[in-house]
Every structure is written in structure tokens, then in C-alpha cells.
Amino acid sequence: MGQQVEELRGAREGRTVAYTQFLNDYKKDQVEIVYGFVEAKEDLSLYSSCIYNELPSNAIIHLIPCRGKYKVRDTYNLIDWTKHSKHRICFFRDRDLSDYIEDGKDLCECENCYVTDGYSIENSLITKNLLRRLLREVLGYQSDSYEVTDEIVKKFIQDKIEFENQLKNVMSHIIYWKMNDIVSPLDTISVKGFVDISNSNIVYKTPEDKLTYIYSKAKVDFSKCDITEIASIESSISTDDKFRNIIRGHFLSEFFMHYCNCIKKCQQELSLKLDVNNIIAPRCEKIESLSNFIKNTYLVYYSQVGIFLI
């Protein structure tokens, strides 16, 4: 108890909100509980579902949002690892654009920190199998033949590939902004600004219109950007087999939400919030890299404490 009081006192002296919450919530003797830190509140439902799929039925995962990837790093650095197990306490952060940009800010890359395969966890979860389930469970196709739903899924795969290809130029500009430390609030950019998916035909805006839109929304001065360098970035990512992994997860989620609303038979209008929390999260597929991470951390911890987990 003395240790916890001392740590709480330190937390009040300018330490992260997430770390303070951890100190308040941590139950050393309730060994069935494991702890995790994620970047944001929006990550809680997705990670919770994915992790629970890998844990025994009486295990408990307590996740805490950190308000950004740098707060994930700061929280990791605050924990006294001589007193806490790295198998019991883990961290989960987005890869973002780190394959193309050297961040230089010493992000959390330790053995108990999971980094997504793509830009964010949504890149791994929005798949043909997710749509296949949604067609029958949510979108009103429960009475249709598998031939009908398979055709819809086949078209979705083609449309998703085209969407990702259409975003090469957009993502090239975003990579340039990040490389040059240009302040650019990406949350202001909506997929609706460069594609119309309100009916059965997906219509993309011209490259010029897409750029006008994203520069306006992000409040970036186009005239101060090096178009030659941006073209070089686009050429580089176009030849990268992993290009599709750098599409911003929020863009992909938004595209998928609008796509589902376009093909649905039911009357319910799906929102992005509903899509993530109530639709995608309960249907999370196994992510191989995350599964292996859980095996090497939480499951090792449960084995070490000798709990019989069912």
C-alpha cells in the first residue's frame, strides 16, 4: 500500500493521466487481471474484443487510453519495471507512417509493446470476411443465397483496392507533411471530400479537387510544399508491396461505413461510431501478429502465476 501511495503522489506531480489511472486501478493480488494501454478511447472496443478472443474465459483485461502514441511512450517510461511484470502490463500503438518517416521521438518499441501491422488496427480488421458476416447479421441479406452475397463481397474487394489506389496521391501529401513537420490535423479530413459513395456507383473526385479539399481542411499552404518531393514519395510507395497498409485507418473505416450503408437492405443507418463499437468490434477476426504478441506476454504471465484458467 505504501508503494502505491508513493507512486500516486508522484503521479500528481505532472505525470500522465493514464499512469495515474493505472495506479488507482491496479490490483496486485487480483492475478486474473492483466493491464493494457492504448492510444485513445476509440481503440478500447477493438482491442478489447481482439485480446479477449485470445485469453482464457475467466481472464480480465483492463485497458486504459493514453491520449496519443507519445503518451503511450511516456506512460511506459513512468512504470517501475523492477516492481511490475512486462508480461502482465502491455502497450498497444498504431504504426501510423513510421515505415516511411523516422519519428525521432523514441517511441515505445519494447517487448511488451504491440505495433499494428498497418497504419492502425482497422487496416487488419476491415476484410471480406467482416463484410460477409455483416451482410447476413446486420445488413439484411440473411435470406439471400451465398451466390448473391459472394458477388457483393467480390465487388467490395475490387472497390476497396480501387479506393486504396485512389488514396496514393492523398497519402503521399500527408507523408510529406509529416516528414516536414507541417501541422496538419487529419481528423478534419473526411472521405466524403474526395469520393461519393452515396449510391451504387462510386465516383471519385479529380486529383486536383482531392488536393484542394485536403489542403483546405488541413489548413496547409500548398504553395510552400515541394511537389517534386511529393511525386518522389508517391513513386516510392507505389512500388511498395505493403502500400495498402499505410492508408489511414480512419479513412478506411469511413469508406467501409459508407459502403455498408450503400448496399444495406435494412433501414438502420450505420454511423462511424456504431460501425466501430457495435459492428466491427464484436466481429474481430484473429490478427496473427497480435495473437503471437498475446501468447508471448499475457499468456506467459498467466502461466507464471499458476492460475487455472478455463
C-alpha atoms as a PDB file:
ATOM      1  CA  MET A   1       0.000   0.000   0.000  1.00  0.00           C
ATOM      2  CA  GLY A   2       2.901   2.333   0.859  1.00  0.00           C
ATOM      3  CA  GLN A   3       4.398   1.822  -2.583  1.00  0.00           C
ATOM      4  CA  GLN A   4       1.091   2.711  -4.246  1.00  0.00           C
ATOM      5  CA  VAL A   5       0.660   5.893  -2.144  1.00  0.00           C
ATOM      6  CA  GLU A   6       4.186   6.953  -3.063  1.00  0.00           C
ATOM      7  CA  GLU A   7       3.557   6.325  -6.763  1.00  0.00           C
ATOM      8  CA  LEU A   8       0.254   8.226  -6.646  1.00  0.00           C
ATOM      9  CA  ARG A   9       1.999  11.196  -5.066  1.00  0.00           C
ATOM     10  CA  GLY A  10       4.486  11.180  -7.921  1.00  0.00           C
ATOM     11  CA  ALA A  11       1.696  10.891 -10.459  1.00  0.00           C
ATOM     12  CA  ARG A  12       0.140  14.107  -9.189  1.00  0.00           C
ATOM     13  CA  GLU A  13       3.420  15.886  -9.938  1.00  0.00           C
ATOM     14  CA  GLY A  14       2.805  16.197 -13.676  1.00  0.00           C
ATOM     15  CA  ARG A  15       2.701  12.556 -14.766  1.00  0.00           C
ATOM     16  CA  THR A  16       0.324  11.185 -17.372  1.00  0.00           C
ATOM     17  CA  VAL A  17      -3.406  10.833 -16.746  1.00  0.00           C
ATOM     18  CA  ALA A  18      -3.217   7.223 -17.927  1.00  0.00           C
ATOM     19  CA  TYR A  19      -0.459   6.407 -15.445  1.00  0.00           C
ATOM     20  CA  THR A  20      -2.439   7.973 -12.601  1.00  0.00           C
ATOM     21  CA  GLN A  21      -5.483   5.920 -13.585  1.00  0.00           C
ATOM     22  CA  PHE A  22      -3.333   2.797 -13.664  1.00  0.00           C
ATOM     23  CA  LEU A  23      -2.085   3.421 -10.126  1.00  0.00           C
ATOM     24  CA  ASN A  24      -5.661   3.906  -8.938  1.00  0.00           C
ATOM     25  CA  ASP A  25      -6.966   0.809 -10.726  1.00  0.00           C
ATOM     26  CA  TYR A  26      -4.060  -1.608 -10.288  1.00  0.00           C
ATOM     27  CA  LYS A  27      -4.858  -4.666  -8.159  1.00  0.00           C
ATOM     28  CA  LYS A  28      -1.669  -6.589  -7.490  1.00  0.00           C
ATOM     29  CA  ASP A  29      -3.373  -9.523  -5.786  1.00  0.00           C
ATOM     30  CA  GLN A  30      -6.181  -9.945  -8.321  1.00  0.00           C
ATOM     31  CA  VAL A  31      -3.931 -12.010 -10.520  1.00  0.00           C
ATOM     32  CA  GLU A  32      -6.628 -12.753 -13.104  1.00  0.00           C
ATOM     33  CA  ILE A  33      -6.447  -9.104 -14.267  1.00  0.00           C
ATOM     34  CA  VAL A  34      -3.946  -8.038 -16.909  1.00  0.00           C
ATOM     35  CA  TYR A  35      -3.458  -4.408 -17.940  1.00  0.00           C
ATOM     36  CA  GLY A  36      -3.014  -2.628 -21.256  1.00  0.00           C
ATOM     37  CA  PHE A  37      -2.541   0.908 -22.536  1.00  0.00           C
ATOM     38  CA  VAL A  38      -3.938   2.059 -25.895  1.00  0.00           C
ATOM     39  CA  GLU A  39      -3.674   5.372 -27.711  1.00  0.00           C
ATOM     40  CA  ALA A  40      -7.287   6.563 -27.475  1.00  0.00           C
ATOM     41  CA  LYS A  41     -10.776   5.807 -26.190  1.00  0.00           C
ATOM     42  CA  GLU A  42     -11.771   4.842 -29.741  1.00  0.00           C
ATOM     43  CA  ASP A  43      -9.321   1.916 -29.541  1.00  0.00           C
ATOM     44  CA  LEU A  44     -10.847   0.343 -26.444  1.00  0.00           C
ATOM     45  CA  SER A  45     -13.611  -1.731 -28.037  1.00  0.00           C
ATOM     46  CA  LEU A  46     -11.497  -3.053 -30.919  1.00  0.00           C
ATOM     47  CA  TYR A  47      -8.526  -4.066 -28.793  1.00  0.00           C
ATOM     48  CA  SER A  48     -10.710  -5.420 -26.013  1.00  0.00           C
ATOM     49  CA  SER A  49     -12.512  -7.751 -28.427  1.00  0.00           C
ATOM     50  CA  CYS A  50      -9.326  -8.855 -30.172  1.00  0.00           C
ATOM     51  CA  ILE A  51      -7.493  -9.541 -26.913  1.00  0.00           C
ATOM     52  CA  TYR A  52     -10.371 -11.347 -25.215  1.00  0.00           C
ATOM     53  CA  ASN A  53     -10.513 -13.679 -28.218  1.00  0.00           C
ATOM     54  CA  GLU A  54      -7.010 -14.829 -27.279  1.00  0.00           C
ATOM     55  CA  LEU A  55      -7.455 -15.108 -23.493  1.00  0.00           C
ATOM     56  CA  PRO A  56      -8.999 -17.845 -21.328  1.00  0.00           C
ATOM     57  CA  SER A  57     -12.627 -17.250 -20.408  1.00  0.00           C
ATOM     58  CA  ASN A  58     -12.039 -16.137 -16.812  1.00  0.00           C
ATOM     59  CA  ALA A  59      -9.214 -13.739 -17.644  1.00  0.00           C
ATOM     60  CA  ILE A  60      -9.846  -9.978 -17.341  1.00  0.00           C
ATOM     61  CA  ILE A  61      -8.214  -7.294 -19.488  1.00  0.00           C
ATOM     62  CA  HIS A  62      -8.245  -3.736 -18.141  1.00  0.00           C
ATOM     63  CA  LEU A  63      -7.403  -1.227 -20.893  1.00  0.00           C
ATOM     64  CA  ILE A  64      -6.543   2.426 -20.320  1.00  0.00           C
ATOM     65  CA  PRO A  65      -6.471   5.123 -23.057  1.00  0.00           C
ATOM     66  CA  CYS A  66      -3.392   7.354 -23.155  1.00  0.00           C
ATOM     67  CA  ARG A  67      -4.423  10.254 -25.427  1.00  0.00           C
ATOM     68  CA  GLY A  68      -1.889   9.603 -28.178  1.00  0.00           C
ATOM     69  CA  LYS A  69       1.144   7.476 -29.036  1.00  0.00           C
ATOM     70  CA  TYR A  70       3.587   9.761 -27.244  1.00  0.00           C
ATOM     71  CA  LYS A  71       1.580   9.394 -24.056  1.00  0.00           C
ATOM     72  CA  VAL A  72       1.823   5.620 -24.549  1.00  0.00           C
ATOM     73  CA  ARG A  73       5.605   6.031 -24.567  1.00  0.00           C
ATOM     74  CA  ASP A  74       5.555   8.398 -21.567  1.00  0.00           C
ATOM     75  CA  THR A  75       3.390   6.019 -19.571  1.00  0.00           C
ATOM     76  CA  TYR A  76       5.717   3.106 -20.332  1.00  0.00           C
ATOM     77  CA  ASN A  77       8.674   5.154 -19.064  1.00  0.00           C
ATOM     78  CA  LEU A  78       6.879   6.026 -15.824  1.00  0.00           C
ATOM     79  CA  ILE A  79       6.283   2.441 -14.747  1.00  0.00           C
ATOM     80  CA  ASP A  80       8.822   0.932 -12.369  1.00  0.00           C
ATOM     81  CA  TRP A  81       9.652  -2.308 -14.175  1.00  0.00           C
ATOM     82  CA  THR A  82      11.512  -3.653 -11.159  1.00  0.00           C
ATOM     83  CA  LYS A  83       8.115  -3.893  -9.439  1.00  0.00           C
ATOM     84  CA  HIS A  84       5.792  -4.758 -12.328  1.00  0.00           C
ATOM     85  CA  SER A  85       5.752  -7.613 -14.838  1.00  0.00           C
ATOM     86  CA  LYS A  86       6.123  -6.840 -18.536  1.00  0.00           C
ATOM     87  CA  HIS A  87       4.045  -9.935 -19.196  1.00  0.00           C
ATOM     88  CA  ARG A  88       1.133  -8.518 -17.210  1.00  0.00           C
ATOM     89  CA  ILE A  89       1.246  -4.889 -18.418  1.00  0.00           C
ATOM     90  CA  CYS A  90       1.327  -4.235 -22.160  1.00  0.00           C
ATOM     91  CA  PHE A  91       1.084  -1.347 -24.601  1.00  0.00           C
ATOM     92  CA  PHE A  92      -0.688  -1.100 -27.954  1.00  0.00           C
ATOM     93  CA  ARG A  93       0.027   1.613 -30.523  1.00  0.00           C
ATOM     94  CA  ASP A  94      -0.525   2.398 -34.186  1.00  0.00           C
ATOM     95  CA  ARG A  95       2.236   2.000 -36.733  1.00  0.00           C
ATOM     96  CA  ASP A  96       0.971   5.134 -38.488  1.00  0.00           C
ATOM     97  CA  LEU A  97       3.519   6.148 -41.140  1.00  0.00           C
ATOM     98  CA  SER A  98       6.614   5.022 -39.254  1.00  0.00           C
ATOM     99  CA  ASP A  99       7.720   2.739 -42.114  1.00  0.00           C
ATOM    100  CA  TYR A 100       8.251   5.886 -44.181  1.00  0.00           C
ATOM    101  CA  ILE A 101       9.038   8.516 -41.590  1.00  0.00           C
ATOM    102  CA  GLU A 102      11.706   8.440 -38.900  1.00  0.00           C
ATOM    103  CA  ASP A 103       9.874   9.876 -35.944  1.00  0.00           C
ATOM    104  CA  GLY A 104      12.960  10.592 -33.872  1.00  0.00           C
ATOM    105  CA  LYS A 105      10.939  10.689 -30.653  1.00  0.00           C
ATOM    106  CA  ASP A 106      11.904   7.313 -29.220  1.00  0.00           C
ATOM    107  CA  LEU A 107       8.501   5.657 -29.421  1.00  0.00           C
ATOM    108  CA  CYS A 108       7.661   2.637 -27.305  1.00  0.00           C
ATOM    109  CA  GLU A 109       9.184  -0.365 -29.117  1.00  0.00           C
ATOM    110  CA  CYS A 110       9.797  -2.728 -26.218  1.00  0.00           C
ATOM    111  CA  GLU A 111       8.917  -6.419 -25.977  1.00  0.00           C
ATOM    112  CA  ASN A 112       5.608  -5.660 -24.261  1.00  0.00           C
ATOM    113  CA  CYS A 113       4.528  -3.052 -26.821  1.00  0.00           C
ATOM    114  CA  TYR A 114       2.425  -4.186 -29.784  1.00  0.00           C
ATOM    115  CA  VAL A 115       2.638  -2.153 -33.002  1.00  0.00           C
ATOM    116  CA  THR A 116      -0.102  -2.652 -35.610  1.00  0.00           C
ATOM    117  CA  ASP A 117       0.710  -4.290 -38.938  1.00  0.00           C
ATOM    118  CA  GLY A 118      -0.754  -1.363 -40.868  1.00  0.00           C
ATOM    119  CA  TYR A 119      -1.493   2.293 -40.140  1.00  0.00           C
ATOM    120  CA  SER A 120      -3.871   1.271 -37.356  1.00  0.00           C
ATOM    121  CA  ILE A 121      -5.761  -1.799 -36.180  1.00  0.00           C
ATOM    122  CA  GLU A 122      -8.654  -1.052 -38.572  1.00  0.00           C
ATOM    123  CA  ASN A 123      -6.385  -1.911 -41.517  1.00  0.00           C
ATOM    124  CA  SER A 124      -6.257  -5.500 -40.243  1.00  0.00           C
ATOM    125  CA  LEU A 125      -9.939  -5.785 -39.341  1.00  0.00           C
ATOM    126  CA  ILE A 126     -11.787  -4.421 -42.374  1.00  0.00           C
ATOM    127  CA  THR A 127     -11.789  -7.504 -44.570  1.00  0.00           C
ATOM    128  CA  LYS A 128     -14.008  -9.512 -46.895  1.00  0.00           C
ATOM    129  CA  ASN A 129     -14.858 -11.871 -44.021  1.00  0.00           C
ATOM    130  CA  LEU A 130     -16.116  -8.967 -41.921  1.00  0.00           C
ATOM    131  CA  LEU A 131     -18.400  -7.855 -44.749  1.00  0.00           C
ATOM    132  CA  ARG A 132     -19.560 -11.425 -45.332  1.00  0.00           C
ATOM    133  CA  ARG A 133     -20.743 -11.638 -41.730  1.00  0.00           C
ATOM    134  CA  LEU A 134     -22.308  -8.194 -41.764  1.00  0.00           C
ATOM    135  CA  LEU A 135     -24.349  -8.969 -44.858  1.00  0.00           C
ATOM    136  CA  ARG A 136     -26.204 -11.740 -43.028  1.00  0.00           C
ATOM    137  CA  GLU A 137     -26.131 -10.445 -39.454  1.00  0.00           C
ATOM    138  CA  VAL A 138     -26.748  -6.711 -39.904  1.00  0.00           C
ATOM    139  CA  LEU A 139     -27.329  -5.590 -43.499  1.00  0.00           C
ATOM    140  CA  GLY A 140     -30.449  -7.623 -44.266  1.00  0.00           C
ATOM    141  CA  TYR A 141     -29.120 -10.432 -46.505  1.00  0.00           C
ATOM    142  CA  GLN A 142     -29.870 -13.330 -44.155  1.00  0.00           C
ATOM    143  CA  SER A 143     -32.345 -14.895 -46.614  1.00  0.00           C
ATOM    144  CA  ASP A 144     -30.242 -14.415 -49.736  1.00  0.00           C
ATOM    145  CA  SER A 145     -28.238 -17.183 -51.370  1.00  0.00           C
ATOM    146  CA  TYR A 146     -24.496 -17.397 -50.856  1.00  0.00           C
ATOM    147  CA  GLU A 147     -24.085 -16.713 -54.567  1.00  0.00           C
ATOM    148  CA  VAL A 148     -25.677 -13.289 -54.032  1.00  0.00           C
ATOM    149  CA  THR A 149     -23.562 -12.376 -51.019  1.00  0.00           C
ATOM    150  CA  ASP A 150     -20.381 -13.746 -52.600  1.00  0.00           C
ATOM    151  CA  GLU A 151     -20.891 -11.419 -55.561  1.00  0.00           C
ATOM    152  CA  ILE A 152     -21.254  -8.452 -53.203  1.00  0.00           C
ATOM    153  CA  VAL A 153     -18.092  -9.451 -51.362  1.00  0.00           C
ATOM    154  CA  LYS A 154     -16.218  -9.890 -54.634  1.00  0.00           C
ATOM    155  CA  LYS A 155     -17.226  -6.386 -55.741  1.00  0.00           C
ATOM    156  CA  PHE A 156     -16.226  -4.967 -52.357  1.00  0.00           C
ATOM    157  CA  ILE A 157     -12.717  -6.402 -52.709  1.00  0.00           C
ATOM    158  CA  GLN A 158     -12.370  -4.681 -56.089  1.00  0.00           C
ATOM    159  CA  ASP A 159     -13.822  -1.404 -54.764  1.00  0.00           C
ATOM    160  CA  LYS A 160     -11.554  -1.442 -51.706  1.00  0.00           C
ATOM    161  CA  ILE A 161      -8.473  -1.926 -53.904  1.00  0.00           C
ATOM    162  CA  GLU A 162      -9.565   0.981 -56.099  1.00  0.00           C
ATOM    163  CA  PHE A 163     -10.193   3.154 -53.022  1.00  0.00           C
ATOM    164  CA  GLU A 164      -6.694   2.429 -51.751  1.00  0.00           C
ATOM    165  CA  ASN A 165      -5.214   3.192 -55.174  1.00  0.00           C
ATOM    166  CA  GLN A 166      -7.122   6.462 -55.316  1.00  0.00           C
ATOM    167  CA  LEU A 167      -5.616   7.465 -51.982  1.00  0.00           C
ATOM    168  CA  LYS A 168      -1.990   7.024 -53.056  1.00  0.00           C
ATOM    169  CA  ASN A 169      -1.719  10.674 -54.008  1.00  0.00           C
ATOM    170  CA  VAL A 170      -3.539  11.859 -50.882  1.00  0.00           C
ATOM    171  CA  MET A 171      -1.326   9.754 -48.603  1.00  0.00           C
ATOM    172  CA  SER A 172       1.797  10.984 -50.431  1.00  0.00           C
ATOM    173  CA  HIS A 173       0.941  14.550 -49.468  1.00  0.00           C
ATOM    174  CA  ILE A 174       0.195  13.518 -45.889  1.00  0.00           C
ATOM    175  CA  ILE A 175       3.554  11.704 -45.678  1.00  0.00           C
ATOM    176  CA  TYR A 176       5.248  14.860 -46.981  1.00  0.00           C
ATOM    177  CA  TRP A 177       3.519  16.956 -44.333  1.00  0.00           C
ATOM    178  CA  LYS A 178       4.651  14.614 -41.585  1.00  0.00           C
ATOM    179  CA  MET A 179       8.224  14.403 -42.942  1.00  0.00           C
ATOM    180  CA  ASN A 180       8.478  18.181 -42.855  1.00  0.00           C
ATOM    181  CA  ASP A 181       6.732  18.704 -39.504  1.00  0.00           C
ATOM    182  CA  ILE A 182       3.868  20.599 -41.136  1.00  0.00           C
ATOM    183  CA  VAL A 183       0.965  20.876 -38.715  1.00  0.00           C
ATOM    184  CA  SER A 184      -1.942  19.069 -40.341  1.00  0.00           C
ATOM    185  CA  PRO A 185      -4.994  17.988 -38.305  1.00  0.00           C
ATOM    186  CA  LEU A 186      -6.045  14.869 -40.218  1.00  0.00           C
ATOM    187  CA  ASP A 187      -9.266  14.443 -38.244  1.00  0.00           C
ATOM    188  CA  THR A 188     -10.704  17.346 -40.211  1.00  0.00           C
ATOM    189  CA  ILE A 189     -10.416  15.353 -43.460  1.00  0.00           C
ATOM    190  CA  SER A 190     -13.397  13.199 -44.411  1.00  0.00           C
ATOM    191  CA  VAL A 191     -13.574  10.520 -47.089  1.00  0.00           C
ATOM    192  CA  LYS A 192     -16.682  12.297 -48.388  1.00  0.00           C
ATOM    193  CA  GLY A 193     -14.375  15.086 -49.508  1.00  0.00           C
ATOM    194  CA  PHE A 194     -12.829  13.023 -52.270  1.00  0.00           C
ATOM    195  CA  VAL A 195     -15.270  10.220 -53.071  1.00  0.00           C
ATOM    196  CA  ASP A 196     -19.037   9.908 -53.469  1.00  0.00           C
ATOM    197  CA  ILE A 197     -20.296   6.530 -52.283  1.00  0.00           C
ATOM    198  CA  SER A 198     -23.895   7.543 -51.633  1.00  0.00           C
ATOM    199  CA  ASN A 199     -25.207   5.252 -54.381  1.00  0.00           C
ATOM    200  CA  SER A 200     -24.249   2.029 -56.121  1.00  0.00           C
ATOM    201  CA  ASN A 201     -21.681   3.819 -58.291  1.00  0.00           C
ATOM    202  CA  ILE A 202     -18.543   5.008 -56.516  1.00  0.00           C
ATOM    203  CA  VAL A 203     -17.406   8.297 -58.041  1.00  0.00           C
ATOM    204  CA  TYR A 204     -14.001   9.784 -57.206  1.00  0.00           C
ATOM    205  CA  LYS A 205     -13.178  13.441 -57.476  1.00  0.00           C
ATOM    206  CA  THR A 206     -10.375  14.567 -59.755  1.00  0.00           C
ATOM    207  CA  PRO A 207      -6.829  14.569 -58.326  1.00  0.00           C
ATOM    208  CA  GLU A 208      -6.906  18.370 -58.328  1.00  0.00           C
ATOM    209  CA  ASP A 209     -10.187  18.519 -56.419  1.00  0.00           C
ATOM    210  CA  LYS A 210      -8.972  15.970 -53.858  1.00  0.00           C
ATOM    211  CA  LEU A 211      -5.848  18.028 -53.180  1.00  0.00           C
ATOM    212  CA  THR A 212      -7.803  21.277 -52.960  1.00  0.00           C
ATOM    213  CA  TYR A 213     -10.052  19.625 -50.392  1.00  0.00           C
ATOM    214  CA  ILE A 214      -7.363  18.109 -48.137  1.00  0.00           C
ATOM    215  CA  TYR A 215      -5.210  21.261 -48.156  1.00  0.00           C
ATOM    216  CA  SER A 216      -8.222  23.376 -47.270  1.00  0.00           C
ATOM    217  CA  LYS A 217      -9.331  21.089 -44.444  1.00  0.00           C
ATOM    218  CA  ALA A 218      -5.834  20.590 -43.019  1.00  0.00           C
ATOM    219  CA  LYS A 219      -5.096  24.320 -43.421  1.00  0.00           C
ATOM    220  CA  VAL A 220      -1.783  23.652 -45.162  1.00  0.00           C
ATOM    221  CA  ASP A 221      -0.312  26.158 -47.631  1.00  0.00           C
ATOM    222  CA  PHE A 222       0.021  24.255 -50.912  1.00  0.00           C
ATOM    223  CA  SER A 223       2.383  26.857 -52.407  1.00  0.00           C
ATOM    224  CA  LYS A 224       5.006  26.087 -49.753  1.00  0.00           C
ATOM    225  CA  CYS A 225       5.109  22.345 -50.499  1.00  0.00           C
ATOM    226  CA  ASP A 226       7.681  20.705 -52.765  1.00  0.00           C
ATOM    227  CA  ILE A 227       5.679  18.967 -55.498  1.00  0.00           C
ATOM    228  CA  THR A 228       8.787  17.214 -56.839  1.00  0.00           C
ATOM    229  CA  GLU A 229       9.454  15.639 -53.458  1.00  0.00           C
ATOM    230  CA  ILE A 230       5.799  14.618 -53.112  1.00  0.00           C
ATOM    231  CA  ALA A 231       5.905  12.983 -56.558  1.00  0.00           C
ATOM    232  CA  SER A 232       9.001  11.072 -55.456  1.00  0.00           C
ATOM    233  CA  ILE A 233       7.158   9.868 -52.346  1.00  0.00           C
ATOM    234  CA  GLU A 234       4.199   8.704 -54.442  1.00  0.00           C
ATOM    235  CA  SER A 235       6.526   6.868 -56.821  1.00  0.00           C
ATOM    236  CA  SER A 236       8.199   5.154 -53.866  1.00  0.00           C
ATOM    237  CA  ILE A 237       5.010   3.973 -52.175  1.00  0.00           C
ATOM    238  CA  SER A 238       3.510   2.862 -55.495  1.00  0.00           C
ATOM    239  CA  THR A 239       6.216   0.213 -55.823  1.00  0.00           C
ATOM    240  CA  ASP A 240       5.901  -0.934 -52.217  1.00  0.00           C
ATOM    241  CA  ASP A 241       4.065  -4.256 -51.787  1.00  0.00           C
ATOM    242  CA  LYS A 242       2.878  -3.054 -48.375  1.00  0.00           C
ATOM    243  CA  PHE A 243       1.445   0.207 -49.689  1.00  0.00           C
ATOM    244  CA  ARG A 244      -2.110  -0.645 -48.652  1.00  0.00           C
ATOM    245  CA  ASN A 245      -1.004  -0.795 -45.025  1.00  0.00           C
ATOM    246  CA  ILE A 246      -0.307   2.945 -44.942  1.00  0.00           C
ATOM    247  CA  ILE A 247      -3.865   4.035 -45.746  1.00  0.00           C
ATOM    248  CA  ARG A 248      -5.086   5.893 -42.695  1.00  0.00           C
ATOM    249  CA  GLY A 249      -7.309   3.557 -40.679  1.00  0.00           C
ATOM    250  CA  HIS A 250      -9.965   6.223 -40.129  1.00  0.00           C
ATOM    251  CA  PHE A 251     -10.261   6.748 -43.895  1.00  0.00           C
ATOM    252  CA  LEU A 252     -10.719   3.010 -44.362  1.00  0.00           C
ATOM    253  CA  SER A 253     -13.324   2.809 -41.575  1.00  0.00           C
ATOM    254  CA  GLU A 254     -15.260   5.715 -43.024  1.00  0.00           C
ATOM    255  CA  PHE A 255     -15.163   4.208 -46.533  1.00  0.00           C
ATOM    256  CA  PHE A 256     -16.384   0.881 -45.157  1.00  0.00           C
ATOM    257  CA  MET A 257     -19.205   2.520 -43.211  1.00  0.00           C
ATOM    258  CA  HIS A 258     -20.477   4.389 -46.267  1.00  0.00           C
ATOM    259  CA  TYR A 259     -20.111   1.257 -48.360  1.00  0.00           C
ATOM    260  CA  CYS A 260     -22.269  -0.736 -45.939  1.00  0.00           C
ATOM    261  CA  ASN A 261     -24.909   1.985 -45.914  1.00  0.00           C
ATOM    262  CA  CYS A 262     -24.906   1.895 -49.710  1.00  0.00           C
ATOM    263  CA  ILE A 263     -25.552  -1.862 -50.002  1.00  0.00           C
ATOM    264  CA  LYS A 264     -27.735  -2.449 -46.931  1.00  0.00           C
ATOM    265  CA  LYS A 265     -31.290  -3.729 -47.210  1.00  0.00           C
ATOM    266  CA  CYS A 266     -32.228  -2.805 -43.649  1.00  0.00           C
ATOM    267  CA  GLN A 267     -33.477   0.664 -42.721  1.00  0.00           C
ATOM    268  CA  GLN A 268     -30.941   1.334 -39.984  1.00  0.00           C
ATOM    269  CA  GLU A 269     -28.375   3.966 -40.941  1.00  0.00           C
ATOM    270  CA  LEU A 270     -24.909   2.954 -39.779  1.00  0.00           C
ATOM    271  CA  SER A 271     -22.747   5.640 -38.210  1.00  0.00           C
ATOM    272  CA  LEU A 272     -18.960   5.529 -37.849  1.00  0.00           C
ATOM    273  CA  LYS A 273     -19.281   5.224 -34.074  1.00  0.00           C
ATOM    274  CA  LEU A 274     -21.779   2.388 -34.400  1.00  0.00           C
ATOM    275  CA  ASP A 275     -19.618   0.791 -37.062  1.00  0.00           C
ATOM    276  CA  VAL A 276     -16.560   0.556 -34.814  1.00  0.00           C
ATOM    277  CA  ASN A 277     -18.059  -0.123 -31.406  1.00  0.00           C
ATOM    278  CA  ASN A 278     -21.086  -2.255 -32.197  1.00  0.00           C
ATOM    279  CA  ILE A 279     -20.394  -3.735 -35.603  1.00  0.00           C
ATOM    280  CA  ILE A 280     -16.677  -4.248 -36.192  1.00  0.00           C
ATOM    281  CA  ALA A 281     -15.600  -4.912 -32.586  1.00  0.00           C
ATOM    282  CA  PRO A 282     -17.864  -7.944 -31.925  1.00  0.00           C
ATOM    283  CA  ARG A 283     -16.744  -9.500 -35.218  1.00  0.00           C
ATOM    284  CA  CYS A 284     -12.987  -9.004 -34.914  1.00  0.00           C
ATOM    285  CA  GLU A 285     -11.004 -11.564 -36.851  1.00  0.00           C
ATOM    286  CA  LYS A 286      -7.840 -13.099 -35.477  1.00  0.00           C
ATOM    287  CA  ILE A 287      -4.809 -10.922 -36.202  1.00  0.00           C
ATOM    288  CA  GLU A 288      -1.812 -13.246 -36.349  1.00  0.00           C
ATOM    289  CA  SER A 289       0.739 -10.707 -35.114  1.00  0.00           C
ATOM    290  CA  LEU A 290      -1.479  -9.682 -32.190  1.00  0.00           C
ATOM    291  CA  SER A 291      -2.197 -13.316 -31.344  1.00  0.00           C
ATOM    292  CA  ASN A 292       1.543 -14.064 -31.173  1.00  0.00           C
ATOM    293  CA  PHE A 293       2.085 -10.974 -29.042  1.00  0.00           C
ATOM    294  CA  ILE A 294      -0.577 -12.096 -26.549  1.00  0.00           C
ATOM    295  CA  LYS A 295       0.986 -15.577 -26.385  1.00  0.00           C
ATOM    296  CA  ASN A 296       4.353 -14.048 -25.515  1.00  0.00           C
ATOM    297  CA  THR A 297       3.006 -11.652 -22.875  1.00  0.00           C
ATOM    298  CA  TYR A 298      -0.339 -12.167 -21.155  1.00  0.00           C
ATOM    299  CA  LEU A 299      -0.434 -15.941 -21.588  1.00  0.00           C
ATOM    300  CA  VAL A 300       3.117 -16.209 -20.253  1.00  0.00           C
ATOM    301  CA  TYR A 301       2.032 -14.178 -17.226  1.00  0.00           C
ATOM    302  CA  TYR A 302      -0.934 -16.466 -16.535  1.00  0.00           C
ATOM    303  CA  SER A 303       1.356 -19.464 -16.788  1.00  0.00           C
ATOM    304  CA  GLN A 304       3.839 -17.884 -14.381  1.00  0.00           C
ATOM    305  CA  VAL A 305       1.280 -17.110 -11.678  1.00  0.00           C
ATOM    306  CA  GLY A 306      -0.080 -20.622 -11.960  1.00  0.00           C
ATOM    307  CA  ILE A 307      -3.759 -19.795 -12.290  1.00  0.00           C
ATOM    308  CA  PHE A 308      -6.024 -22.485 -13.665  1.00  0.00           C
ATOM    309  CA  LEU A 309      -7.751 -20.598 -16.451  1.00  0.00           C
ATOM    310  CA  ILE A 310     -10.743 -22.046 -18.250  1.00  0.00           C
END
